[in-house]
């Protein structure tokens, strides 16, 4: 099961939701990724790979990161991706699930410690 926390800026009300489990994927040698979410069986993942017709390079988990420069959310795998915002190319990124107590990317206020959001 996955759980989200909703963080809100104590000054301006800006809100961001962070999920605790990330976005699992299969990566291919051409750079493409297929993301898969629970519930999914190993055989369904294998079937997804076979439909693609490409060699699997690796499996990973891309976490949602918020850019502190432009406020966009970017899915990045910290073990395999350059930690760079895809929108503005900024490098000041924070995992969305770790926003509690951090500076607000919108106004520099302080984010609260988070309230429980969705569970899936």
N, C-alpha and C. Protein backbone atom coordinates (compact mmCIF):
# COMPACT_ATOMS: atom_id res chain seq x y z
N UNK A 1 0.83 -1.18 0.00
CA UNK A 1 0.00 0.00 0.00
C UNK A 1 0.87 1.24 0.00
N UNK A 2 0.39 2.26 -0.67
CA UNK A 2 1.09 3.53 -0.72
C UNK A 2 0.29 4.59 0.03
N UNK A 3 1.00 5.54 0.59
CA UNK A 3 0.36 6.60 1.35
C UNK A 3 0.96 7.95 0.93
N UNK A 4 0.11 8.96 0.91
CA UNK A 4 0.61 10.30 0.60
C UNK A 4 0.48 11.20 1.82
N UNK A 5 1.32 12.22 1.83
CA UNK A 5 1.22 13.31 2.80
C UNK A 5 1.07 14.59 2.00
N UNK A 6 0.20 15.48 2.51
CA UNK A 6 0.01 16.79 1.88
C UNK A 6 0.68 17.84 2.76
N UNK A 7 1.65 18.52 2.16
CA UNK A 7 2.39 19.56 2.87
C UNK A 7 1.87 20.93 2.41
N UNK A 8 1.66 21.83 3.37
CA UNK A 8 1.13 23.16 3.07
C UNK A 8 2.04 24.21 3.67
N UNK A 9 2.31 25.27 2.89
CA UNK A 9 3.12 26.38 3.39
C UNK A 9 2.33 27.13 4.46
N UNK A 10 2.98 27.40 5.57
CA UNK A 10 2.33 28.11 6.66
C UNK A 10 2.14 29.59 6.35
N UNK A 11 2.81 30.10 5.30
CA UNK A 11 2.69 31.51 4.93
C UNK A 11 1.73 31.77 3.77
N UNK A 12 1.94 31.06 2.65
CA UNK A 12 1.16 31.37 1.45
C UNK A 12 0.10 30.32 1.11
N UNK A 13 0.12 29.16 1.75
CA UNK A 13 -0.88 28.14 1.47
C UNK A 13 -0.54 27.21 0.32
N UNK A 14 0.63 27.38 -0.30
CA UNK A 14 1.06 26.48 -1.37
C UNK A 14 1.07 25.05 -0.84
N UNK A 15 0.55 24.10 -1.63
CA UNK A 15 0.44 22.71 -1.19
C UNK A 15 1.11 21.78 -2.19
N UNK A 16 1.79 20.77 -1.67
CA UNK A 16 2.38 19.73 -2.51
C UNK A 16 2.09 18.39 -1.84
N UNK A 17 1.79 17.39 -2.67
CA UNK A 17 1.52 16.04 -2.15
C UNK A 17 2.72 15.15 -2.45
N UNK A 18 3.14 14.39 -1.45
CA UNK A 18 4.25 13.46 -1.62
C UNK A 18 3.81 12.04 -1.30
N UNK A 19 4.20 11.10 -2.16
CA UNK A 19 3.88 9.68 -1.96
C UNK A 19 5.10 8.96 -1.42
N UNK A 20 4.86 8.00 -0.53
CA UNK A 20 5.97 7.33 0.14
C UNK A 20 6.66 6.25 -0.68
N UNK A 21 6.07 5.80 -1.78
CA UNK A 21 6.66 4.64 -2.45
C UNK A 21 7.25 4.89 -3.82
N UNK A 22 7.13 6.03 -4.39
CA UNK A 22 7.73 6.31 -5.69
C UNK A 22 6.98 5.68 -6.85
N UNK A 23 7.66 5.63 -7.99
CA UNK A 23 7.07 5.17 -9.24
C UNK A 23 7.97 4.10 -9.85
N UNK A 24 7.70 2.81 -9.59
CA UNK A 24 8.55 1.75 -10.13
C UNK A 24 8.46 1.71 -11.65
N UNK A 25 9.58 1.35 -12.29
CA UNK A 25 9.61 1.32 -13.74
C UNK A 25 10.55 0.23 -14.25
N UNK A 26 10.35 -0.08 -15.53
CA UNK A 26 11.29 -0.89 -16.29
C UNK A 26 11.94 0.06 -17.28
N UNK A 27 13.27 0.08 -17.30
CA UNK A 27 14.01 0.92 -18.24
C UNK A 27 14.59 0.08 -19.36
N UNK A 28 14.59 0.64 -20.57
CA UNK A 28 15.07 -0.07 -21.74
C UNK A 28 16.34 0.57 -22.26
N UNK A 29 17.06 -0.17 -23.08
CA UNK A 29 18.35 0.32 -23.57
C UNK A 29 18.22 1.57 -24.44
N UNK A 30 17.04 1.85 -24.99
CA UNK A 30 16.86 3.06 -25.80
C UNK A 30 16.50 4.29 -24.95
N UNK A 31 16.42 4.11 -23.62
CA UNK A 31 16.11 5.23 -22.72
C UNK A 31 14.65 5.32 -22.31
N UNK A 32 13.75 4.60 -23.00
CA UNK A 32 12.33 4.62 -22.63
C UNK A 32 12.12 3.97 -21.27
N UNK A 33 11.03 4.33 -20.64
CA UNK A 33 10.62 3.72 -19.38
C UNK A 33 9.14 3.40 -19.44
N UNK A 34 8.79 2.26 -18.87
CA UNK A 34 7.39 1.91 -18.64
C UNK A 34 7.20 1.89 -17.13
N UNK A 35 6.29 2.71 -16.65
CA UNK A 35 5.99 2.76 -15.22
C UNK A 35 4.87 1.78 -14.93
N UNK A 36 4.94 1.13 -13.79
CA UNK A 36 3.89 0.21 -13.38
C UNK A 36 3.57 0.43 -11.92
N UNK A 37 2.33 0.19 -11.59
CA UNK A 37 1.84 0.49 -10.24
C UNK A 37 1.12 -0.73 -9.68
N UNK A 38 1.05 -0.81 -8.39
CA UNK A 38 0.39 -1.95 -7.77
C UNK A 38 -1.13 -1.82 -7.90
N UNK A 39 -1.87 -2.86 -7.88
CA UNK A 39 -1.35 -4.23 -7.83
C UNK A 39 -0.99 -4.71 -9.23
N UNK A 40 0.18 -5.27 -9.38
CA UNK A 40 0.61 -5.85 -10.66
C UNK A 40 1.51 -7.04 -10.34
N UNK A 41 1.34 -8.10 -11.08
CA UNK A 41 2.13 -9.30 -10.83
C UNK A 41 3.40 -9.27 -11.66
N UNK A 42 4.34 -10.09 -11.28
CA UNK A 42 5.60 -10.20 -12.02
C UNK A 42 5.34 -10.64 -13.47
N UNK A 43 4.35 -11.52 -13.67
CA UNK A 43 4.04 -11.98 -15.03
C UNK A 43 3.48 -10.83 -15.87
N UNK A 44 2.72 -9.92 -15.26
CA UNK A 44 2.20 -8.76 -16.00
C UNK A 44 3.33 -7.81 -16.37
N UNK A 45 4.31 -7.65 -15.49
CA UNK A 45 5.47 -6.82 -15.81
C UNK A 45 6.23 -7.45 -16.97
N UNK A 46 6.43 -8.77 -16.93
CA UNK A 46 7.13 -9.48 -18.00
C UNK A 46 6.39 -9.31 -19.32
N UNK A 47 5.07 -9.42 -19.29
CA UNK A 47 4.25 -9.25 -20.50
C UNK A 47 4.40 -7.84 -21.06
N UNK A 48 4.46 -6.84 -20.18
CA UNK A 48 4.65 -5.45 -20.60
C UNK A 48 6.00 -5.30 -21.32
N UNK A 49 7.03 -5.95 -20.79
CA UNK A 49 8.37 -5.88 -21.39
C UNK A 49 8.36 -6.54 -22.76
N UNK A 50 7.72 -7.69 -22.88
CA UNK A 50 7.69 -8.42 -24.15
C UNK A 50 6.93 -7.64 -25.22
N UNK A 51 5.86 -6.94 -24.85
CA UNK A 51 5.10 -6.14 -25.81
C UNK A 51 5.94 -5.01 -26.38
N UNK A 52 6.83 -4.48 -25.56
CA UNK A 52 7.68 -3.38 -25.99
C UNK A 52 8.67 -3.84 -27.06
N UNK A 53 9.10 -5.10 -26.98
CA UNK A 53 10.02 -5.64 -27.98
C UNK A 53 11.44 -5.12 -27.84
N UNK A 54 11.78 -4.59 -26.68
CA UNK A 54 13.13 -4.07 -26.45
C UNK A 54 13.78 -4.86 -25.32
N UNK A 55 15.08 -4.80 -25.24
CA UNK A 55 15.78 -5.45 -24.14
C UNK A 55 15.67 -4.60 -22.89
N UNK A 56 15.32 -5.26 -21.79
CA UNK A 56 15.24 -4.58 -20.50
C UNK A 56 16.65 -4.24 -20.05
N UNK A 57 16.86 -3.01 -19.66
CA UNK A 57 18.16 -2.59 -19.16
C UNK A 57 18.21 -2.69 -17.64
N UNK A 58 17.16 -2.22 -17.01
CA UNK A 58 17.12 -2.24 -15.55
C UNK A 58 15.71 -1.95 -15.06
N UNK A 59 15.53 -2.19 -13.78
CA UNK A 59 14.32 -1.76 -13.09
C UNK A 59 14.75 -0.74 -12.06
N UNK A 60 13.87 0.19 -11.79
CA UNK A 60 14.20 1.23 -10.83
C UNK A 60 12.94 1.81 -10.21
N UNK A 61 13.14 2.88 -9.47
CA UNK A 61 12.04 3.55 -8.80
C UNK A 61 12.29 5.06 -8.88
N UNK A 62 11.45 5.73 -9.65
CA UNK A 62 11.57 7.17 -9.82
C UNK A 62 10.69 7.86 -8.77
N UNK A 63 11.29 8.69 -7.99
CA UNK A 63 10.58 9.42 -6.93
C UNK A 63 10.19 10.81 -7.43
N UNK A 64 9.06 11.32 -6.94
CA UNK A 64 8.65 12.68 -7.28
C UNK A 64 9.53 13.67 -6.54
N UNK A 65 10.09 14.62 -7.29
CA UNK A 65 10.91 15.69 -6.71
C UNK A 65 10.31 17.02 -7.13
N UNK A 66 10.32 17.98 -6.21
CA UNK A 66 9.86 19.32 -6.55
C UNK A 66 11.07 20.22 -6.76
N UNK A 67 11.01 21.02 -7.80
CA UNK A 67 12.07 21.96 -8.09
C UNK A 67 11.85 23.21 -7.25
N UNK A 68 12.84 23.60 -6.50
CA UNK A 68 12.73 24.77 -5.64
C UNK A 68 12.83 26.07 -6.43
N UNK A 69 13.17 25.97 -7.73
CA UNK A 69 13.25 27.16 -8.58
C UNK A 69 11.94 27.45 -9.30
N UNK A 70 11.30 26.40 -9.87
CA UNK A 70 10.11 26.63 -10.71
C UNK A 70 8.87 25.91 -10.20
N UNK A 71 8.98 25.18 -9.10
CA UNK A 71 7.85 24.50 -8.44
C UNK A 71 7.31 23.30 -9.22
N UNK A 72 7.96 22.89 -10.31
CA UNK A 72 7.45 21.74 -11.07
C UNK A 72 7.86 20.43 -10.39
N UNK A 73 7.05 19.41 -10.65
CA UNK A 73 7.32 18.08 -10.11
C UNK A 73 7.97 17.25 -11.21
N UNK A 74 9.07 16.61 -10.90
CA UNK A 74 9.81 15.79 -11.85
C UNK A 74 10.04 14.42 -11.23
N UNK A 75 9.75 13.35 -11.99
CA UNK A 75 10.04 11.99 -11.51
C UNK A 75 11.48 11.65 -11.86
N UNK A 76 12.29 11.39 -10.84
CA UNK A 76 13.69 11.05 -11.04
C UNK A 76 14.08 9.86 -10.18
N UNK A 77 14.91 9.00 -10.74
CA UNK A 77 15.50 7.90 -10.00
C UNK A 77 16.87 8.36 -9.53
N UNK A 78 17.04 8.60 -8.23
CA UNK A 78 18.31 9.15 -7.74
C UNK A 78 19.52 8.25 -8.01
N UNK A 79 19.29 6.97 -8.31
CA UNK A 79 20.41 6.06 -8.59
C UNK A 79 20.80 6.04 -10.06
N UNK A 80 19.91 6.51 -10.95
CA UNK A 80 20.19 6.41 -12.38
C UNK A 80 20.02 7.70 -13.17
N UNK A 81 19.39 8.71 -12.60
CA UNK A 81 19.12 9.94 -13.34
C UNK A 81 19.98 11.09 -12.82
N UNK A 82 20.27 12.03 -13.72
CA UNK A 82 20.86 13.29 -13.28
C UNK A 82 19.79 14.03 -12.49
N UNK A 83 20.14 14.55 -11.36
CA UNK A 83 19.18 15.24 -10.51
C UNK A 83 19.02 16.68 -11.01
N UNK A 84 18.28 16.80 -12.11
CA UNK A 84 18.06 18.08 -12.78
C UNK A 84 16.58 18.19 -13.13
N UNK A 85 16.00 19.36 -12.88
CA UNK A 85 14.60 19.61 -13.23
C UNK A 85 14.45 19.55 -14.74
N UNK A 86 13.45 18.82 -15.20
CA UNK A 86 13.24 18.70 -16.64
C UNK A 86 12.65 19.98 -17.25
N UNK A 87 12.04 20.82 -16.41
CA UNK A 87 11.42 22.04 -16.93
C UNK A 87 12.42 23.19 -17.03
N UNK A 88 13.10 23.50 -15.91
CA UNK A 88 13.97 24.69 -15.91
C UNK A 88 15.46 24.36 -15.83
N UNK A 89 15.79 23.06 -15.71
CA UNK A 89 17.18 22.58 -15.59
C UNK A 89 17.82 22.94 -14.25
N UNK A 90 17.01 23.38 -13.28
CA UNK A 90 17.53 23.67 -11.94
C UNK A 90 17.99 22.40 -11.24
N UNK A 91 18.86 22.56 -10.27
CA UNK A 91 19.41 21.40 -9.56
C UNK A 91 19.01 21.37 -8.09
N UNK A 92 18.24 22.34 -7.65
CA UNK A 92 17.79 22.35 -6.25
C UNK A 92 16.44 21.62 -6.18
N UNK A 93 16.51 20.31 -5.99
CA UNK A 93 15.33 19.44 -5.98
C UNK A 93 15.19 18.78 -4.63
N UNK A 94 13.94 18.63 -4.18
CA UNK A 94 13.66 17.95 -2.92
C UNK A 94 12.61 16.89 -3.19
N UNK A 95 12.81 15.70 -2.65
CA UNK A 95 11.82 14.64 -2.77
C UNK A 95 10.52 15.15 -2.14
N UNK A 96 9.41 15.04 -2.84
CA UNK A 96 8.16 15.62 -2.35
C UNK A 96 7.74 15.03 -1.01
N UNK A 97 8.03 13.77 -0.76
CA UNK A 97 7.64 13.14 0.50
C UNK A 97 8.48 13.66 1.68
N UNK A 98 9.53 14.40 1.39
CA UNK A 98 10.43 14.93 2.42
C UNK A 98 10.26 16.44 2.61
N UNK A 99 9.13 17.01 2.20
CA UNK A 99 8.95 18.47 2.24
C UNK A 99 8.63 19.02 3.63
N UNK A 100 8.32 18.17 4.59
CA UNK A 100 7.98 18.64 5.93
C UNK A 100 9.07 19.49 6.56
N UNK A 101 8.71 20.73 6.94
CA UNK A 101 9.64 21.63 7.59
C UNK A 101 10.60 22.35 6.65
N UNK A 102 10.55 22.06 5.36
CA UNK A 102 11.45 22.70 4.38
C UNK A 102 10.89 24.06 3.97
N UNK A 103 11.71 24.84 3.29
CA UNK A 103 11.28 26.13 2.76
C UNK A 103 10.28 25.93 1.63
N UNK A 104 9.31 26.81 1.55
CA UNK A 104 8.33 26.78 0.47
C UNK A 104 9.01 27.22 -0.83
N UNK A 105 8.82 26.47 -1.92
CA UNK A 105 9.44 26.88 -3.19
C UNK A 105 8.78 28.11 -3.80
N UNK A 106 7.62 28.49 -3.30
CA UNK A 106 6.89 29.61 -3.87
C UNK A 106 7.21 30.93 -3.16
N UNK A 107 7.27 30.90 -1.80
CA UNK A 107 7.41 32.18 -1.08
C UNK A 107 8.54 32.19 -0.04
N UNK A 108 9.25 31.08 0.12
CA UNK A 108 10.31 30.95 1.12
C UNK A 108 9.78 30.82 2.55
N UNK A 109 8.45 30.70 2.71
CA UNK A 109 7.89 30.39 4.02
C UNK A 109 8.25 28.96 4.39
N UNK A 110 7.64 28.46 5.45
CA UNK A 110 7.97 27.12 5.92
C UNK A 110 6.79 26.17 5.66
N UNK A 111 7.11 24.97 5.12
CA UNK A 111 6.09 23.95 4.90
C UNK A 111 5.78 23.27 6.23
N UNK A 112 4.49 22.95 6.45
CA UNK A 112 4.14 22.22 7.67
C UNK A 112 4.68 20.80 7.61
N UNK A 113 4.44 20.00 8.63
CA UNK A 113 4.98 18.65 8.70
C UNK A 113 4.12 17.63 7.96
N UNK A 114 3.06 18.06 7.34
CA UNK A 114 2.26 17.18 6.48
C UNK A 114 1.06 16.58 7.17
N UNK A 115 0.03 16.40 6.41
CA UNK A 115 -1.20 15.74 6.90
C UNK A 115 -1.46 14.56 5.96
N UNK A 116 -2.00 13.49 6.52
CA UNK A 116 -2.25 12.30 5.72
C UNK A 116 -3.16 12.63 4.55
N UNK A 117 -2.78 12.15 3.40
CA UNK A 117 -3.57 12.32 2.19
C UNK A 117 -4.22 11.01 1.80
N UNK A 118 -4.02 10.61 0.56
CA UNK A 118 -4.64 9.40 0.04
C UNK A 118 -3.86 8.15 0.40
N UNK A 119 -4.56 7.03 0.36
CA UNK A 119 -3.95 5.71 0.52
C UNK A 119 -4.43 4.89 -0.66
N UNK A 120 -3.49 4.22 -1.32
CA UNK A 120 -3.90 3.37 -2.46
C UNK A 120 -3.30 1.99 -2.34
